[in-house]
N, C-alpha and C. Protein backbone atom coordinates (compact mmCIF):
# COMPACT_ATOMS: atom_id res chain seq x y z
N UNK A 1 8.69 4.43 9.61
CA UNK A 1 8.32 5.17 8.42
C UNK A 1 7.34 4.33 7.61
N UNK A 2 6.14 4.82 7.41
CA UNK A 2 5.18 4.06 6.61
C UNK A 2 5.55 4.07 5.12
N UNK A 3 5.23 2.98 4.46
CA UNK A 3 5.46 2.84 3.02
C UNK A 3 4.12 2.95 2.30
N UNK A 4 4.08 3.69 1.21
CA UNK A 4 2.90 3.72 0.35
C UNK A 4 3.02 2.55 -0.62
N UNK A 5 1.96 1.76 -0.70
CA UNK A 5 1.99 0.56 -1.53
C UNK A 5 0.73 0.45 -2.37
N UNK A 6 0.85 -0.29 -3.46
CA UNK A 6 -0.31 -0.68 -4.25
C UNK A 6 -0.40 -2.19 -4.15
N UNK A 7 -1.51 -2.67 -3.60
CA UNK A 7 -1.74 -4.11 -3.46
C UNK A 7 -2.53 -4.61 -4.65
N UNK A 8 -2.12 -5.71 -5.19
CA UNK A 8 -2.87 -6.37 -6.25
C UNK A 8 -3.44 -7.64 -5.67
N UNK A 9 -4.74 -7.58 -5.34
CA UNK A 9 -5.46 -8.68 -4.71
C UNK A 9 -6.11 -9.52 -5.80
N UNK A 10 -6.08 -10.82 -5.64
CA UNK A 10 -6.68 -11.74 -6.62
C UNK A 10 -8.17 -11.43 -6.79
N UNK A 11 -8.58 -11.14 -8.02
CA UNK A 11 -9.98 -10.91 -8.34
C UNK A 11 -10.52 -9.53 -7.97
N UNK A 12 -9.68 -8.60 -7.53
CA UNK A 12 -10.11 -7.26 -7.15
C UNK A 12 -9.30 -6.22 -7.89
N UNK A 13 -9.77 -4.97 -7.82
CA UNK A 13 -8.99 -3.87 -8.40
C UNK A 13 -7.82 -3.56 -7.47
N UNK A 14 -6.81 -2.89 -7.98
CA UNK A 14 -5.64 -2.54 -7.19
C UNK A 14 -6.03 -1.59 -6.05
N UNK A 15 -5.36 -1.74 -4.92
CA UNK A 15 -5.67 -0.98 -3.71
C UNK A 15 -4.44 -0.18 -3.30
N UNK A 16 -4.63 1.10 -3.07
CA UNK A 16 -3.58 1.99 -2.60
C UNK A 16 -3.71 2.13 -1.09
N UNK A 17 -2.60 2.10 -0.38
CA UNK A 17 -2.64 2.24 1.07
C UNK A 17 -1.24 2.40 1.64
N UNK A 18 -1.16 2.42 2.97
CA UNK A 18 0.12 2.55 3.64
C UNK A 18 0.31 1.37 4.58
N UNK A 19 1.55 0.91 4.69
CA UNK A 19 1.91 -0.14 5.64
C UNK A 19 3.08 0.37 6.48
N UNK A 20 3.12 -0.03 7.75
CA UNK A 20 4.19 0.40 8.65
C UNK A 20 5.52 -0.26 8.28
N UNK A 21 5.46 -1.53 7.88
CA UNK A 21 6.66 -2.22 7.45
C UNK A 21 6.30 -3.20 6.35
N UNK A 22 7.26 -3.50 5.51
CA UNK A 22 7.03 -4.42 4.42
C UNK A 22 6.94 -5.85 4.96
N UNK A 23 6.13 -6.70 4.33
CA UNK A 23 5.96 -8.06 4.85
C UNK A 23 7.26 -8.87 4.76
N UNK A 24 7.44 -9.71 5.75
CA UNK A 24 8.59 -10.61 5.79
C UNK A 24 8.17 -11.96 5.23
N UNK A 25 9.10 -12.81 4.85
CA UNK A 25 8.75 -14.11 4.27
C UNK A 25 7.86 -14.98 5.17
N UNK A 26 7.96 -14.84 6.48
CA UNK A 26 7.17 -15.67 7.39
C UNK A 26 5.81 -15.08 7.73
N UNK A 27 5.50 -13.86 7.27
CA UNK A 27 4.22 -13.21 7.59
C UNK A 27 3.06 -13.89 6.88
N UNK A 28 1.91 -13.93 7.57
CA UNK A 28 0.68 -14.49 7.01
C UNK A 28 -0.35 -13.44 6.67
N UNK A 29 -0.21 -12.26 7.27
CA UNK A 29 -1.17 -11.18 7.06
C UNK A 29 -0.44 -9.89 6.72
N UNK A 30 -1.19 -8.95 6.16
CA UNK A 30 -0.68 -7.63 5.83
C UNK A 30 -1.68 -6.60 6.35
N UNK A 31 -1.23 -5.69 7.21
CA UNK A 31 -2.09 -4.65 7.77
C UNK A 31 -1.90 -3.38 6.94
N UNK A 32 -3.00 -2.91 6.33
CA UNK A 32 -2.96 -1.75 5.44
C UNK A 32 -3.79 -0.63 6.05
N UNK A 33 -3.20 0.55 6.17
CA UNK A 33 -3.90 1.73 6.68
C UNK A 33 -4.42 2.55 5.51
N UNK A 34 -5.58 3.16 5.71
CA UNK A 34 -6.19 4.06 4.72
C UNK A 34 -6.33 3.40 3.35
N UNK A 35 -6.99 2.24 3.27
CA UNK A 35 -7.15 1.58 1.97
C UNK A 35 -8.12 2.36 1.06
N UNK A 36 -7.76 2.47 -0.21
CA UNK A 36 -8.58 3.20 -1.19
C UNK A 36 -8.21 2.75 -2.59
N UNK A 37 -9.02 3.17 -3.56
CA UNK A 37 -8.67 2.89 -4.95
C UNK A 37 -7.51 3.78 -5.35
N UNK A 38 -6.90 3.48 -6.48
CA UNK A 38 -5.77 4.29 -6.96
C UNK A 38 -6.13 5.76 -7.14
N UNK A 39 -7.36 6.02 -7.53
CA UNK A 39 -7.79 7.41 -7.76
C UNK A 39 -8.26 8.11 -6.47
N UNK A 40 -8.13 7.43 -5.32
CA UNK A 40 -8.49 8.02 -4.05
C UNK A 40 -9.91 7.76 -3.59
N UNK A 41 -10.73 7.13 -4.43
CA UNK A 41 -12.11 6.85 -4.07
C UNK A 41 -12.17 5.69 -3.08
N UNK A 42 -13.28 5.63 -2.33
CA UNK A 42 -13.48 4.55 -1.36
C UNK A 42 -13.67 3.22 -2.08
N UNK A 43 -13.30 2.16 -1.40
CA UNK A 43 -13.56 0.81 -1.91
C UNK A 43 -15.00 0.45 -1.60
N UNK A 44 -15.72 -0.09 -2.56
CA UNK A 44 -17.15 -0.34 -2.38
C UNK A 44 -17.44 -1.43 -1.36
N UNK A 45 -16.51 -2.30 -1.06
CA UNK A 45 -16.75 -3.41 -0.14
C UNK A 45 -16.20 -3.15 1.27
N UNK A 46 -15.73 -1.93 1.53
CA UNK A 46 -15.24 -1.56 2.86
C UNK A 46 -16.01 -0.33 3.33
N UNK A 47 -16.43 -0.33 4.60
CA UNK A 47 -17.16 0.81 5.16
C UNK A 47 -16.31 2.08 5.13
N UNK A 48 -16.97 3.22 5.06
CA UNK A 48 -16.28 4.51 4.96
C UNK A 48 -15.43 4.85 6.17
N UNK A 49 -15.81 4.38 7.38
CA UNK A 49 -15.09 4.75 8.59
C UNK A 49 -13.94 3.79 8.94
N UNK A 50 -13.62 2.84 8.09
CA UNK A 50 -12.54 1.89 8.33
C UNK A 50 -11.19 2.57 8.06
N UNK A 51 -10.25 2.43 9.01
CA UNK A 51 -8.93 3.05 8.83
C UNK A 51 -7.82 2.01 8.60
N UNK A 52 -8.05 0.76 9.00
CA UNK A 52 -7.07 -0.31 8.78
C UNK A 52 -7.79 -1.58 8.35
N UNK A 53 -7.14 -2.32 7.44
CA UNK A 53 -7.68 -3.59 6.97
C UNK A 53 -6.56 -4.62 7.05
N UNK A 54 -6.92 -5.84 7.42
CA UNK A 54 -5.96 -6.93 7.48
C UNK A 54 -6.28 -7.91 6.36
N UNK A 55 -5.31 -8.08 5.44
CA UNK A 55 -5.47 -9.01 4.33
C UNK A 55 -4.56 -10.20 4.52
N UNK A 56 -5.03 -11.40 4.20
CA UNK A 56 -4.12 -12.55 4.22
C UNK A 56 -3.16 -12.47 3.03
N UNK A 57 -1.91 -12.76 3.27
CA UNK A 57 -0.89 -12.71 2.21
C UNK A 57 -1.25 -13.64 1.06
N UNK A 58 -1.95 -14.73 1.35
CA UNK A 58 -2.31 -15.70 0.31
C UNK A 58 -3.19 -15.08 -0.78
N UNK A 59 -3.92 -14.02 -0.46
CA UNK A 59 -4.79 -13.35 -1.43
C UNK A 59 -4.07 -12.31 -2.27
N UNK A 60 -2.87 -11.92 -1.85
CA UNK A 60 -2.13 -10.85 -2.52
C UNK A 60 -1.27 -11.45 -3.65
N UNK A 61 -1.51 -10.98 -4.88
CA UNK A 61 -0.68 -11.44 -6.00
C UNK A 61 0.70 -10.83 -5.95
N UNK A 62 0.76 -9.50 -5.81
CA UNK A 62 2.04 -8.82 -5.64
C UNK A 62 1.80 -7.44 -5.06
N UNK A 63 2.90 -6.82 -4.58
CA UNK A 63 2.84 -5.51 -3.93
C UNK A 63 3.81 -4.58 -4.64
N UNK A 64 3.34 -3.39 -4.99
CA UNK A 64 4.21 -2.34 -5.54
C UNK A 64 4.50 -1.34 -4.43
N UNK A 65 5.77 -1.03 -4.21
CA UNK A 65 6.17 -0.06 -3.21
C UNK A 65 6.45 1.25 -3.94
N UNK A 66 5.75 2.31 -3.53
CA UNK A 66 5.88 3.61 -4.19
C UNK A 66 6.98 4.44 -3.54
N UNK A 67 7.62 5.26 -4.34
CA UNK A 67 8.67 6.14 -3.85
C UNK A 67 8.05 7.30 -3.10
N UNK A 68 8.69 7.71 -2.02
CA UNK A 68 8.24 8.85 -1.24
C UNK A 68 8.61 10.15 -1.92
N UNK A 69 7.80 11.17 -1.76
CA UNK A 69 8.12 12.49 -2.30
C UNK A 69 9.36 13.05 -1.62
N UNK A 70 9.55 12.73 -0.32
CA UNK A 70 10.73 13.20 0.40
C UNK A 70 12.00 12.60 -0.18
N UNK A 71 11.95 11.33 -0.60
CA UNK A 71 13.11 10.68 -1.20
C UNK A 71 13.53 11.38 -2.48
N UNK A 72 12.55 11.84 -3.25
CA UNK A 72 12.86 12.54 -4.49
C UNK A 72 13.62 13.83 -4.21
N UNK A 73 13.28 14.52 -3.12
CA UNK A 73 13.94 15.77 -2.78
C UNK A 73 15.38 15.52 -2.31
N UNK A 74 15.59 14.42 -1.60
CA UNK A 74 16.91 14.12 -1.08
C UNK A 74 17.85 13.68 -2.19
N UNK A 75 17.39 12.79 -3.04
CA UNK A 75 18.23 12.27 -4.12
C UNK A 75 17.77 12.92 -5.41
N UNK A 76 18.62 13.68 -6.00
CA UNK A 76 18.26 14.36 -7.24
C UNK A 76 19.48 14.73 -8.02
N UNK A 77 19.28 15.38 -9.11
CA UNK A 77 20.38 15.79 -9.97
C UNK A 77 21.09 16.98 -9.35
N UNK A 78 22.40 16.86 -9.23
CA UNK A 78 23.20 17.95 -8.66
C UNK A 78 24.19 18.41 -9.71
N UNK A 79 24.21 19.70 -9.95
CA UNK A 79 25.13 20.26 -10.93
C UNK A 79 26.12 21.16 -10.22
N UNK A 80 27.38 20.94 -10.45
CA UNK A 80 28.41 21.76 -9.80
C UNK A 80 29.01 22.75 -10.76
């Protein structure tokens, strides 16, 4: 199950993308699919036809993991 994440890279704007699995403590790289700006626009320093980017973990300040829309449907307010 891919995770939607927001990457905060040192010296760059935040990047929205998907990762297959969250990084482990021993990982050195992070593979991000469909990288884009938060508003969905292309990143100016990546070609338009790129579908995956590999970033070194050392450049990542922190990662935000976004909630899936499917999770919201499964867990919700139930009234009996």
